[in-house]
PDB file of N, CA and C in Angstrom:
ATOM      1  N   MET A   1      43.356 -34.822 171.893  1.00  0.00           N
ATOM      2  CA  MET A   1      42.875 -36.024 171.202  1.00  0.00           C
ATOM      3  C   MET A   1      42.529 -37.091 172.248  1.00  0.00           C
ATOM      4  N   ALA A   2      41.400 -37.741 172.055  1.00  0.00           N
ATOM      5  CA  ALA A   2      40.941 -38.766 172.991  1.00  0.00           C
ATOM      6  C   ALA A   2      41.776 -40.035 172.842  1.00  0.00           C
ATOM      7  N   GLU A   3      42.077 -40.660 173.968  1.00  0.00           N
ATOM      8  CA  GLU A   3      42.823 -41.909 173.958  1.00  0.00           C
ATOM      9  C   GLU A   3      41.969 -43.008 173.337  1.00  0.00           C
ATOM     10  N   GLU A   4      42.610 -43.942 172.620  1.00  0.00           N
ATOM     11  CA  GLU A   4      41.888 -45.015 171.950  1.00  0.00           C
ATOM     12  C   GLU A   4      42.100 -46.352 172.642  1.00  0.00           C
ATOM     13  N   SER A   5      41.104 -47.225 172.533  1.00  0.00           N
ATOM     14  CA  SER A   5      41.178 -48.580 173.066  1.00  0.00           C
ATOM     15  C   SER A   5      41.950 -49.460 172.087  1.00  0.00           C
ATOM     16  N   MET A   6      42.564 -50.499 172.596  1.00  0.00           N
ATOM     17  CA  MET A   6      43.258 -51.457 171.740  1.00  0.00           C
ATOM     18  C   MET A   6      42.310 -52.547 171.240  1.00  0.00           C
ATOM     19  N   ASP A   7      41.135 -52.659 171.831  1.00  0.00           N
ATOM     20  CA  ASP A   7      40.172 -53.682 171.430  1.00  0.00           C
ATOM     21  C   ASP A   7      39.137 -53.099 170.478  1.00  0.00           C
ATOM     22  N   ALA A   8      38.887 -53.818 169.402  1.00  0.00           N
ATOM     23  CA  ALA A   8      37.841 -53.417 168.474  1.00  0.00           C
ATOM     24  C   ALA A   8      36.475 -53.733 169.080  1.00  0.00           C
ATOM     25  N   VAL A   9      35.447 -53.107 168.542  1.00  0.00           N
ATOM     26  CA  VAL A   9      34.075 -53.443 168.930  1.00  0.00           C
ATOM     27  C   VAL A   9      33.259 -53.645 167.657  1.00  0.00           C
ATOM     28  N   GLY A  10      32.460 -54.705 167.666  1.00  0.00           N
ATOM     29  CA  GLY A  10      31.517 -54.958 166.587  1.00  0.00           C
ATOM     30  C   GLY A  10      30.119 -54.757 167.124  1.00  0.00           C
ATOM     31  N   LEU A  11      29.343 -53.929 166.465  1.00  0.00           N
ATOM     32  CA  LEU A  11      27.967 -53.643 166.874  1.00  0.00           C
ATOM     33  C   LEU A  11      27.028 -54.297 165.875  1.00  0.00           C
ATOM     34  N   LEU A  12      26.239 -55.236 166.358  1.00  0.00           N
ATOM     35  CA  LEU A  12      25.304 -55.970 165.507  1.00  0.00           C
ATOM     36  C   LEU A  12      23.902 -55.791 166.088  1.00  0.00           C
ATOM     37  N   GLU A  13      23.075 -55.031 165.385  1.00  0.00           N
ATOM     38  CA  GLU A  13      21.705 -54.781 165.845  1.00  0.00           C
ATOM     39  C   GLU A  13      20.760 -55.720 165.111  1.00  0.00           C
ATOM     40  N   VAL A  14      19.977 -56.468 165.893  1.00  0.00           N
ATOM     41  CA  VAL A  14      19.099 -57.501 165.341  1.00  0.00           C
ATOM     42  C   VAL A  14      17.682 -57.326 165.875  1.00  0.00           C
ATOM     43  N   PHE A  15      16.748 -58.054 165.274  1.00  0.00           N
ATOM     44  CA  PHE A  15      15.357 -58.042 165.721  1.00  0.00           C
ATOM     45  C   PHE A  15      15.154 -59.119 166.785  1.00  0.00           C
ATOM     46  N   GLY A  16      14.919 -58.721 168.030  1.00  0.00           N
ATOM     47  CA  GLY A  16      14.527 -59.649 169.079  1.00  0.00           C
ATOM     48  C   GLY A  16      15.656 -60.214 169.918  1.00  0.00           C
ATOM     49  N   LEU A  17      15.306 -60.543 171.158  1.00  0.00           N
ATOM     50  CA  LEU A  17      16.279 -61.040 172.118  1.00  0.00           C
ATOM     51  C   LEU A  17      16.753 -62.456 171.807  1.00  0.00           C
ATOM     52  N   VAL A  18      15.855 -63.325 171.373  1.00  0.00           N
ATOM     53  CA  VAL A  18      16.269 -64.693 171.036  1.00  0.00           C
ATOM     54  C   VAL A  18      17.264 -64.672 169.884  1.00  0.00           C
ATOM     55  N   CYS A  19      16.991 -63.875 168.874  1.00  0.00           N
ATOM     56  CA  CYS A  19      17.912 -63.732 167.745  1.00  0.00           C
ATOM     57  C   CYS A  19      19.263 -63.219 168.245  1.00  0.00           C
ATOM     58  N   ALA A  20      19.246 -62.267 169.181  1.00  0.00           N
ATOM     59  CA  ALA A  20      20.491 -61.717 169.726  1.00  0.00           C
ATOM     60  C   ALA A  20      21.301 -62.804 170.442  1.00  0.00           C
ATOM     61  N   PHE A  21      20.636 -63.623 171.245  1.00  0.00           N
ATOM     62  CA  PHE A  21      21.346 -64.707 171.932  1.00  0.00           C
ATOM     63  C   PHE A  21      21.965 -65.683 170.932  1.00  0.00           C
ATOM     64  N   MET A  22      21.212 -66.047 169.920  1.00  0.00           N
ATOM     65  CA  MET A  22      21.708 -66.998 168.920  1.00  0.00           C
ATOM     66  C   MET A  22      22.885 -66.415 168.138  1.00  0.00           C
ATOM     67  N   ALA A  23      22.778 -65.149 167.737  1.00  0.00           N
ATOM     68  CA  ALA A  23      23.848 -64.491 166.987  1.00  0.00           C
ATOM     69  C   ALA A  23      25.086 -64.295 167.858  1.00  0.00           C
ATOM     70  N   ALA A  24      24.887 -63.928 169.123  1.00  0.00           N
ATOM     71  CA  ALA A  24      26.011 -63.744 170.040  1.00  0.00           C
ATOM     72  C   ALA A  24      26.746 -65.069 170.260  1.00  0.00           C
ATOM     73  N   ASP A  25      26.006 -66.136 170.423  1.00  0.00           N
ATOM     74  CA  ASP A  25      26.608 -67.452 170.616  1.00  0.00           C
ATOM     75  C   ASP A  25      27.450 -67.846 169.402  1.00  0.00           C
ATOM     76  N   ALA A  26      26.897 -67.663 168.223  1.00  0.00           N
ATOM     77  CA  ALA A  26      27.641 -67.996 166.994  1.00  0.00           C
ATOM     78  C   ALA A  26      28.896 -67.143 166.872  1.00  0.00           C
ATOM     79  N   GLY A  27      28.758 -65.853 167.183  1.00  0.00           N
ATOM     80  CA  GLY A  27      29.911 -64.955 167.091  1.00  0.00           C
ATOM     81  C   GLY A  27      31.013 -65.320 168.059  1.00  0.00           C
ATOM     82  N   CYS A  28      30.641 -65.661 169.273  1.00  0.00           N
ATOM     83  CA  CYS A  28      31.637 -66.032 170.293  1.00  0.00           C
ATOM     84  C   CYS A  28      32.341 -67.340 169.946  1.00  0.00           C
ATOM     85  N   LYS A  29      31.663 -68.215 169.241  1.00  0.00           N
ATOM     86  CA  LYS A  29      32.275 -69.469 168.819  1.00  0.00           C
ATOM     87  C   LYS A  29      33.177 -69.276 167.599  1.00  0.00           C
ATOM     88  N   ALA A  30      32.934 -68.232 166.811  1.00  0.00           N
ATOM     89  CA  ALA A  30      33.684 -68.006 165.575  1.00  0.00           C
ATOM     90  C   ALA A  30      34.975 -67.220 165.790  1.00  0.00           C
ATOM     91  N   GLY A  31      35.012 -66.406 166.829  1.00  0.00           N
ATOM     92  CA  GLY A  31      36.198 -65.582 167.075  1.00  0.00           C
ATOM     93  C   GLY A  31      36.507 -65.531 168.560  1.00  0.00           C
ATOM     94  N   ASN A  32      37.724 -65.183 168.887  1.00  0.00           N
ATOM     95  CA  ASN A  32      38.136 -65.060 170.284  1.00  0.00           C
ATOM     96  C   ASN A  32      37.672 -63.693 170.792  1.00  0.00           C
ATOM     97  N   VAL A  33      36.375 -63.596 171.079  1.00  0.00           N
ATOM     98  CA  VAL A  33      35.755 -62.335 171.490  1.00  0.00           C
ATOM     99  C   VAL A  33      35.018 -62.522 172.802  1.00  0.00           C
ATOM    100  N   TRP A  34      34.677 -61.415 173.414  1.00  0.00           N
ATOM    101  CA  TRP A  34      33.790 -61.409 174.576  1.00  0.00           C
ATOM    102  C   TRP A  34      32.726 -60.371 174.311  1.00  0.00           C
ATOM    103  N   LEU A  35      31.700 -60.363 175.155  1.00  0.00           N
ATOM    104  CA  LEU A  35      30.554 -59.490 174.938  1.00  0.00           C
ATOM    105  C   LEU A  35      30.487 -58.383 175.981  1.00  0.00           C
ATOM    106  N   GLU A  36      30.133 -57.195 175.523  1.00  0.00           N
ATOM    107  CA  GLU A  36      29.683 -56.128 176.410  1.00  0.00           C
ATOM    108  C   GLU A  36      28.193 -56.406 176.634  1.00  0.00           C
ATOM    109  N   PRO A  37      27.572 -55.815 177.655  1.00  0.00           N
ATOM    110  CA  PRO A  37      26.132 -56.033 177.852  1.00  0.00           C
ATOM    111  C   PRO A  37      25.326 -55.630 176.597  1.00  0.00           C
ATOM    112  N   PHE A  38      24.313 -56.432 176.284  1.00  0.00           N
ATOM    113  CA  PHE A  38      23.414 -56.109 175.182  1.00  0.00           C
ATOM    114  C   PHE A  38      22.714 -54.783 175.483  1.00  0.00           C
ATOM    115  N   ASP A  39      22.191 -54.174 174.450  1.00  0.00           N
ATOM    116  CA  ASP A  39      21.357 -52.992 174.622  1.00  0.00           C
ATOM    117  C   ASP A  39      20.069 -53.234 173.854  1.00  0.00           C
ATOM    118  N   LYS A  40      19.018 -52.536 174.225  1.00  0.00           N
ATOM    119  CA  LYS A  40      17.730 -52.732 173.552  1.00  0.00           C
ATOM    120  C   LYS A  40      17.130 -51.390 173.171  1.00  0.00           C
ATOM    121  N   ASN A  41      16.248 -51.440 172.205  1.00  0.00           N
ATOM    122  CA  ASN A  41      15.559 -50.253 171.732  1.00  0.00           C
ATOM    123  C   ASN A  41      14.197 -50.684 171.198  1.00  0.00           C
ATOM    124  N   LYS A  42      13.165 -50.003 171.616  1.00  0.00           N
ATOM    125  CA  LYS A  42      11.831 -50.230 171.054  1.00  0.00           C
ATOM    126  C   LYS A  42      11.442 -48.949 170.330  1.00  0.00           C
ATOM    127  N   PRO A  43      11.673 -48.908 169.018  1.00  0.00           N
ATOM    128  CA  PRO A  43      11.418 -47.681 168.272  1.00  0.00           C
ATOM    129  C   PRO A  43       9.931 -47.361 168.153  1.00  0.00           C
ATOM    130  N   ALA A  44       9.654 -46.148 167.764  1.00  0.00           N
ATOM    131  CA  ALA A  44       8.269 -45.682 167.631  1.00  0.00           C
ATOM    132  C   ALA A  44       7.471 -46.534 166.642  1.00  0.00           C
ATOM    133  N   ASN A  45       8.138 -47.062 165.621  1.00  0.00           N
ATOM    134  CA  ASN A  45       7.446 -47.883 164.615  1.00  0.00           C
ATOM    135  C   ASN A  45       7.509 -49.372 164.940  1.00  0.00           C
ATOM    136  N   ALA A  46       7.660 -49.709 166.213  1.00  0.00           N
ATOM    137  CA  ALA A  46       7.861 -51.099 166.626  1.00  0.00           C
ATOM    138  C   ALA A  46       6.781 -52.051 166.107  1.00  0.00           C
ATOM    139  N   ASP A  47       5.553 -51.599 166.065  1.00  0.00           N
ATOM    140  CA  ASP A  47       4.470 -52.490 165.630  1.00  0.00           C
ATOM    141  C   ASP A  47       4.572 -52.889 164.157  1.00  0.00           C
ATOM    142  N   SER A  48       5.328 -52.132 163.372  1.00  0.00           N
ATOM    143  CA  SER A  48       5.471 -52.467 161.953  1.00  0.00           C
ATOM    144  C   SER A  48       6.713 -53.319 161.676  1.00  0.00           C
ATOM    145  N   LEU A  49       7.489 -53.631 162.707  1.00  0.00           N
ATOM    146  CA  LEU A  49       8.726 -54.410 162.546  1.00  0.00           C
ATOM    147  C   LEU A  49       8.454 -55.911 162.669  1.00  0.00           C
ATOM    148  N   PRO A  50       9.367 -56.749 162.129  1.00  0.00           N
ATOM    149  CA  PRO A  50       9.201 -58.204 162.253  1.00  0.00           C
ATOM    150  C   PRO A  50       9.109 -58.652 163.716  1.00  0.00           C
ATOM    151  N   VAL A  51       9.877 -58.031 164.584  1.00  0.00           N
ATOM    152  CA  VAL A  51       9.847 -58.242 166.035  1.00  0.00           C
ATOM    153  C   VAL A  51       9.937 -56.841 166.636  1.00  0.00           C
ATOM    154  N   PRO A  52       9.082 -56.490 167.599  1.00  0.00           N
ATOM    155  CA  PRO A  52       9.021 -55.097 168.060  1.00  0.00           C
ATOM    156  C   PRO A  52      10.143 -54.653 168.997  1.00  0.00           C
ATOM    157  N   LEU A  53      11.249 -55.393 169.066  1.00  0.00           N
ATOM    158  CA  LEU A  53      12.358 -55.025 169.926  1.00  0.00           C
ATOM    159  C   LEU A  53      13.660 -55.170 169.151  1.00  0.00           C
ATOM    160  N   LEU A  54      14.478 -54.126 169.163  1.00  0.00           N
ATOM    161  CA  LEU A  54      15.802 -54.181 168.546  1.00  0.00           C
ATOM    162  C   LEU A  54      16.825 -54.402 169.654  1.00  0.00           C
ATOM    163  N   VAL A  55      17.762 -55.315 169.429  1.00  0.00           N
ATOM    164  CA  VAL A  55      18.798 -55.622 170.412  1.00  0.00           C
ATOM    165  C   VAL A  55      20.153 -55.456 169.740  1.00  0.00           C
ATOM    166  N   THR A  56      21.068 -54.773 170.437  1.00  0.00           N
ATOM    167  CA  THR A  56      22.420 -54.582 169.924  1.00  0.00           C
ATOM    168  C   THR A  56      23.386 -55.476 170.685  1.00  0.00           C
ATOM    169  N   ILE A  57      24.093 -56.296 169.920  1.00  0.00           N
ATOM    170  CA  ILE A  57      25.148 -57.159 170.438  1.00  0.00           C
ATOM    171  C   ILE A  57      26.450 -56.395 170.274  1.00  0.00           C
ATOM    172  N   LYS A  58      27.316 -56.455 171.294  1.00  0.00           N
ATOM    173  CA  LYS A  58      28.600 -55.744 171.246  1.00  0.00           C
ATOM    174  C   LYS A  58      29.726 -56.757 171.440  1.00  0.00           C
ATOM    175  N   PHE A  59      30.360 -57.151 170.333  1.00  0.00           N
ATOM    176  CA  PHE A  59      31.498 -58.070 170.369  1.00  0.00           C
ATOM    177  C   PHE A  59      32.775 -57.276 170.603  1.00  0.00           C
ATOM    178  N   ARG A  60      33.683 -57.782 171.455  1.00  0.00           N
ATOM    179  CA  ARG A  60      34.965 -57.118 171.725  1.00  0.00           C
ATOM    180  C   ARG A  60      36.118 -58.078 171.499  1.00  0.00           C
ATOM    181  N   GLY A  61      37.211 -57.576 170.963  1.00  0.00           N
ATOM    182  CA  GLY A  61      38.413 -58.370 170.737  1.00  0.00           C
ATOM    183  C   GLY A  61      39.280 -57.716 169.678  1.00  0.00           C
ATOM    184  N   SER A  62      40.186 -58.490 169.105  1.00  0.00           N
ATOM    185  CA  SER A  62      41.018 -57.961 168.016  1.00  0.00           C
ATOM    186  C   SER A  62      40.128 -57.717 166.793  1.00  0.00           C
ATOM    187  N   VAL A  63      40.616 -56.897 165.889  1.00  0.00           N
ATOM    188  CA  VAL A  63      39.831 -56.586 164.684  1.00  0.00           C
ATOM    189  C   VAL A  63      39.484 -57.872 163.932  1.00  0.00           C
ATOM    190  N   SER A  64      40.458 -58.762 163.742  1.00  0.00           N
ATOM    191  CA  SER A  64      40.185 -59.990 162.975  1.00  0.00           C
ATOM    192  C   SER A  64      39.190 -60.898 163.696  1.00  0.00           C
ATOM    193  N   ASP A  65      39.283 -60.992 165.012  1.00  0.00           N
ATOM    194  CA  ASP A  65      38.325 -61.819 165.752  1.00  0.00           C
ATOM    195  C   ASP A  65      36.933 -61.198 165.740  1.00  0.00           C
ATOM    196  N   VAL A  66      36.849 -59.884 165.860  1.00  0.00           N
ATOM    197  CA  VAL A  66      35.548 -59.214 165.800  1.00  0.00           C
ATOM    198  C   VAL A  66      34.939 -59.372 164.409  1.00  0.00           C
ATOM    199  N   GLU A  67      35.753 -59.285 163.376  1.00  0.00           N
ATOM    200  CA  GLU A  67      35.242 -59.498 162.012  1.00  0.00           C
ATOM    201  C   GLU A  67      34.664 -60.898 161.865  1.00  0.00           C
ATOM    202  N   ALA A  68      35.366 -61.908 162.381  1.00  0.00           N
ATOM    203  CA  ALA A  68      34.872 -63.289 162.311  1.00  0.00           C
ATOM    204  C   ALA A  68      33.576 -63.438 163.095  1.00  0.00           C
ATOM    205  N   ALA A  69      33.523 -62.840 164.288  1.00  0.00           N
ATOM    206  CA  ALA A  69      32.308 -62.914 165.110  1.00  0.00           C
ATOM    207  C   ALA A  69      31.138 -62.226 164.421  1.00  0.00           C
ATOM    208  N   MET A  70      31.400 -61.075 163.840  1.00  0.00           N
ATOM    209  CA  MET A  70      30.332 -60.337 163.152  1.00  0.00           C
ATOM    210  C   MET A  70      29.801 -61.122 161.949  1.00  0.00           C
ATOM    211  N   GLU A  71      30.692 -61.745 161.208  1.00  0.00           N
ATOM    212  CA  GLU A  71      30.274 -62.539 160.047  1.00  0.00           C
ATOM    213  C   GLU A  71      29.377 -63.696 160.482  1.00  0.00           C
ATOM    214  N   ALA A  72      29.801 -64.421 161.513  1.00  0.00           N
ATOM    215  CA  ALA A  72      29.015 -65.557 162.002  1.00  0.00           C
ATOM    216  C   ALA A  72      27.705 -65.094 162.632  1.00  0.00           C
ATOM    217  N   GLY A  73      27.755 -64.045 163.435  1.00  0.00           N
ATOM    218  CA  GLY A  73      26.546 -63.518 164.066  1.00  0.00           C
ATOM    219  C   GLY A  73      25.547 -63.008 163.043  1.00  0.00           C
ATOM    220  N   THR A  74      26.052 -62.325 162.030  1.00  0.00           N
ATOM    221  CA  THR A  74      25.189 -61.808 160.969  1.00  0.00           C
ATOM    222  C   THR A  74      24.498 -62.949 160.223  1.00  0.00           C
ATOM    223  N   ALA A  75      25.246 -63.993 159.897  1.00  0.00           N
ATOM    224  CA  ALA A  75      24.664 -65.131 159.172  1.00  0.00           C
ATOM    225  C   ALA A  75      23.530 -65.768 159.970  1.00  0.00           C
ATOM    226  N   VAL A  76      23.738 -65.950 161.265  1.00  0.00           N
ATOM    227  CA  VAL A  76      22.692 -66.546 162.103  1.00  0.00           C
ATOM    228  C   VAL A  76      21.497 -65.616 162.201  1.00  0.00           C
ATOM    229  N   ALA A  77      21.738 -64.328 162.445  1.00  0.00           N
ATOM    230  CA  ALA A  77      20.638 -63.368 162.590  1.00  0.00           C
ATOM    231  C   ALA A  77      19.812 -63.277 161.308  1.00  0.00           C
ATOM    232  N   GLU A  78      20.495 -63.291 160.161  1.00  0.00           N
ATOM    233  CA  GLU A  78      19.771 -63.216 158.886  1.00  0.00           C
ATOM    234  C   GLU A  78      18.932 -64.468 158.644  1.00  0.00           C
ATOM    235  N   SER A  79      19.338 -65.598 159.207  1.00  0.00           N
ATOM    236  CA  SER A  79      18.547 -66.824 159.051  1.00  0.00           C
ATOM    237  C   SER A  79      17.353 -66.851 160.009  1.00  0.00           C
ATOM    238  N   LEU A  80      17.332 -65.952 160.971  1.00  0.00           N
ATOM    239  CA  LEU A  80      16.239 -65.888 161.946  1.00  0.00           C
ATOM    240  C   LEU A  80      15.361 -64.669 161.636  1.00  0.00           C
ATOM    241  N   THR A  81      15.396 -63.664 162.492  1.00  0.00           N
ATOM    242  CA  THR A  81      14.508 -62.504 162.309  1.00  0.00           C
ATOM    243  C   THR A  81      15.142 -61.353 161.548  1.00  0.00           C
ATOM    244  N   GLY A  82      16.474 -61.336 161.420  1.00  0.00           N
ATOM    245  CA  GLY A  82      17.132 -60.346 160.590  1.00  0.00           C
ATOM    246  C   GLY A  82      18.043 -59.369 161.311  1.00  0.00           C
ATOM    247  N   VAL A  83      18.839 -58.672 160.490  1.00  0.00           N
ATOM    248  CA  VAL A  83      19.799 -57.673 160.948  1.00  0.00           C
ATOM    249  C   VAL A  83      19.261 -56.288 160.613  1.00  0.00           C
ATOM    250  N   VAL A  84      19.345 -55.378 161.568  1.00  0.00           N
ATOM    251  CA  VAL A  84      18.951 -53.988 161.337  1.00  0.00           C
ATOM    252  C   VAL A  84      20.142 -53.220 160.765  1.00  0.00           C
ATOM    253  N   GLN A  85      21.281 -53.295 161.471  1.00  0.00           N
ATOM    254  CA  GLN A  85      22.512 -52.676 160.990  1.00  0.00           C
ATOM    255  C   GLN A  85      23.697 -53.282 161.713  1.00  0.00           C
ATOM    256  N   LYS A  86      24.900 -53.047 161.156  1.00  0.00           N
ATOM    257  CA  LYS A  86      26.113 -53.601 161.753  1.00  0.00           C
ATOM    258  C   LYS A  86      27.291 -52.694 161.432  1.00  0.00           C
ATOM    259  N   HIS A  87      28.189 -52.580 162.404  1.00  0.00           N
ATOM    260  CA  HIS A  87      29.371 -51.731 162.246  1.00  0.00           C
ATOM    261  C   HIS A  87      30.506 -52.283 163.100  1.00  0.00           C
ATOM    262  N   ILE A  88      31.742 -52.036 162.654  1.00  0.00           N
ATOM    263  CA  ILE A  88      32.922 -52.368 163.437  1.00  0.00           C
ATOM    264  C   ILE A  88      33.705 -51.085 163.663  1.00  0.00           C
ATOM    265  N   ILE A  89      34.088 -50.853 164.925  1.00  0.00           N
ATOM    266  CA  ILE A  89      34.953 -49.725 165.268  1.00  0.00           C
ATOM    267  C   ILE A  89      36.293 -50.333 165.680  1.00  0.00           C
ATOM    268  N   PRO A  90      37.338 -50.152 164.856  1.00  0.00           N
ATOM    269  CA  PRO A  90      38.618 -50.794 165.148  1.00  0.00           C
ATOM    270  C   PRO A  90      39.271 -50.340 166.455  1.00  0.00           C
ATOM    271  N   ARG A  91      39.232 -49.065 166.764  1.00  0.00           N
ATOM    272  CA  ARG A  91      39.864 -48.532 167.975  1.00  0.00           C
ATOM    273  C   ARG A  91      38.970 -47.454 168.572  1.00  0.00           C
ATOM    274  N   PRO A  92      37.970 -47.835 169.366  1.00  0.00           N
ATOM    275  CA  PRO A  92      37.070 -46.835 169.943  1.00  0.00           C
ATOM    276  C   PRO A  92      37.824 -45.854 170.854  1.00  0.00           C
ATOM    277  N   THR A  93      37.410 -44.599 170.834  1.00  0.00           N
ATOM    278  CA  THR A  93      37.994 -43.608 171.732  1.00  0.00           C
ATOM    279  C   THR A  93      37.499 -43.847 173.149  1.00  0.00           C
ATOM    280  N   ARG A  94      38.127 -43.204 174.101  1.00  0.00           N
ATOM    281  CA  ARG A  94      37.727 -43.333 175.508  1.00  0.00           C
ATOM    282  C   ARG A  94      36.267 -42.906 175.684  1.00  0.00           C
ATOM    283  N   ASP A  95      35.860 -41.837 175.017  1.00  0.00           N
ATOM    284  CA  ASP A  95      34.467 -41.390 175.127  1.00  0.00           C
ATOM    285  C   ASP A  95      33.499 -42.420 174.560  1.00  0.00           C
ATOM    286  N   THR A  96      33.868 -43.041 173.458  1.00  0.00           N
ATOM    287  CA  THR A  96      33.030 -44.102 172.892  1.00  0.00           C
ATOM    288  C   THR A  96      32.975 -45.290 173.845  1.00  0.00           C
ATOM    289  N   GLU A  97      34.103 -45.616 174.466  1.00  0.00           N
ATOM    290  CA  GLU A  97      34.143 -46.709 175.441  1.00  0.00           C
ATOM    291  C   GLU A  97      33.126 -46.484 176.558  1.00  0.00           C
ATOM    292  N   LYS A  98      33.019 -45.262 177.046  1.00  0.00           N
ATOM    293  CA  LYS A  98      32.045 -44.952 178.103  1.00  0.00           C
ATOM    294  C   LYS A  98      30.629 -45.249 177.626  1.00  0.00           C
ATOM    295  N   MET A  99      30.327 -44.887 176.400  1.00  0.00           N
ATOM    296  CA  MET A  99      28.984 -45.104 175.857  1.00  0.00           C
ATOM    297  C   MET A  99      28.697 -46.588 175.652  1.00  0.00           C
ATOM    298  N   LEU A 100      29.715 -47.368 175.331  1.00  0.00           N
ATOM    299  CA  LEU A 100      29.523 -48.803 175.122  1.00  0.00           C
ATOM    300  C   LEU A 100      29.105 -49.516 176.401  1.00  0.00           C
ATOM    301  N   LYS A 101      29.426 -48.948 177.550  1.00  0.00           N
ATOM    302  CA  LYS A 101      29.065 -49.557 178.837  1.00  0.00           C
ATOM    303  C   LYS A 101      27.589 -49.350 179.194  1.00  0.00           C
ATOM    304  N   LEU A 102      26.946 -48.367 178.558  1.00  0.00           N
ATOM    305  CA  LEU A 102      25.545 -48.099 178.839  1.00  0.00           C
ATOM    306  C   LEU A 102      24.668 -49.178 178.229  1.00  0.00           C
ATOM    307  N   ASN A 103      23.588 -49.511 178.938  1.00  0.00           N
ATOM    308  CA  ASN A 103      22.601 -50.421 178.363  1.00  0.00           C
ATOM    309  C   ASN A 103      21.258 -50.213 179.039  1.00  0.00           C
ATOM    310  N   CYS A 104      20.192 -50.507 178.323  1.00  0.00           N
ATOM    311  CA  CYS A 104      18.826 -50.287 178.820  1.00  0.00           C
ATOM    312  C   CYS A 104      18.263 -51.485 179.573  1.00  0.00           C
ATOM    313  N   PHE A 105      18.931 -52.630 179.547  1.00  0.00           N
ATOM    314  CA  PHE A 105      18.393 -53.791 180.232  1.00  0.00           C
ATOM    315  C   PHE A 105      18.407 -53.633 181.742  1.00  0.00           C
ATOM    316  N   ASP A 106      19.253 -52.757 182.257  1.00  0.00           N
ATOM    317  CA  ASP A 106      19.297 -52.521 183.710  1.00  0.00           C
ATOM    318  C   ASP A 106      18.212 -51.562 184.181  1.00  0.00           C
ATOM    319  N   LYS A 107      17.547 -50.906 183.258  1.00  0.00           N
ATOM    320  CA  LYS A 107      16.524 -49.915 183.608  1.00  0.00           C
ATOM    321  C   LYS A 107      15.206 -50.606 183.908  1.00  0.00           C
ATOM    322  N   LYS A 108      14.489 -50.079 184.877  1.00  0.00           N
ATOM    323  CA  LYS A 108      13.188 -50.651 185.233  1.00  0.00           C
ATOM    324  C   LYS A 108      12.080 -49.809 184.673  1.00  0.00           C
TER     325      LYS A 108
END
């Protein structure tokens, strides 16, 4: 069995980088959380989306703090360009932790 992390992770995927910054800021102010590096995705149907770039915000902290951050981040994102999807993982496994460290912003 894979070892689990004690910190929850909230994954909030939104349309656009500006929306991601605004949602991340609101989330960090609402709960005692910190951020993993953002991730980005430009799907094949990007031209049909409200903004052609999807950005995933990764909030980390206790389950209750991540829930508060996700609620605040979601509210801000929905008032801007919108939310694609959102999930909370209460205790990510070690393998999931490795994947959370990956991000596309470092790629050229």
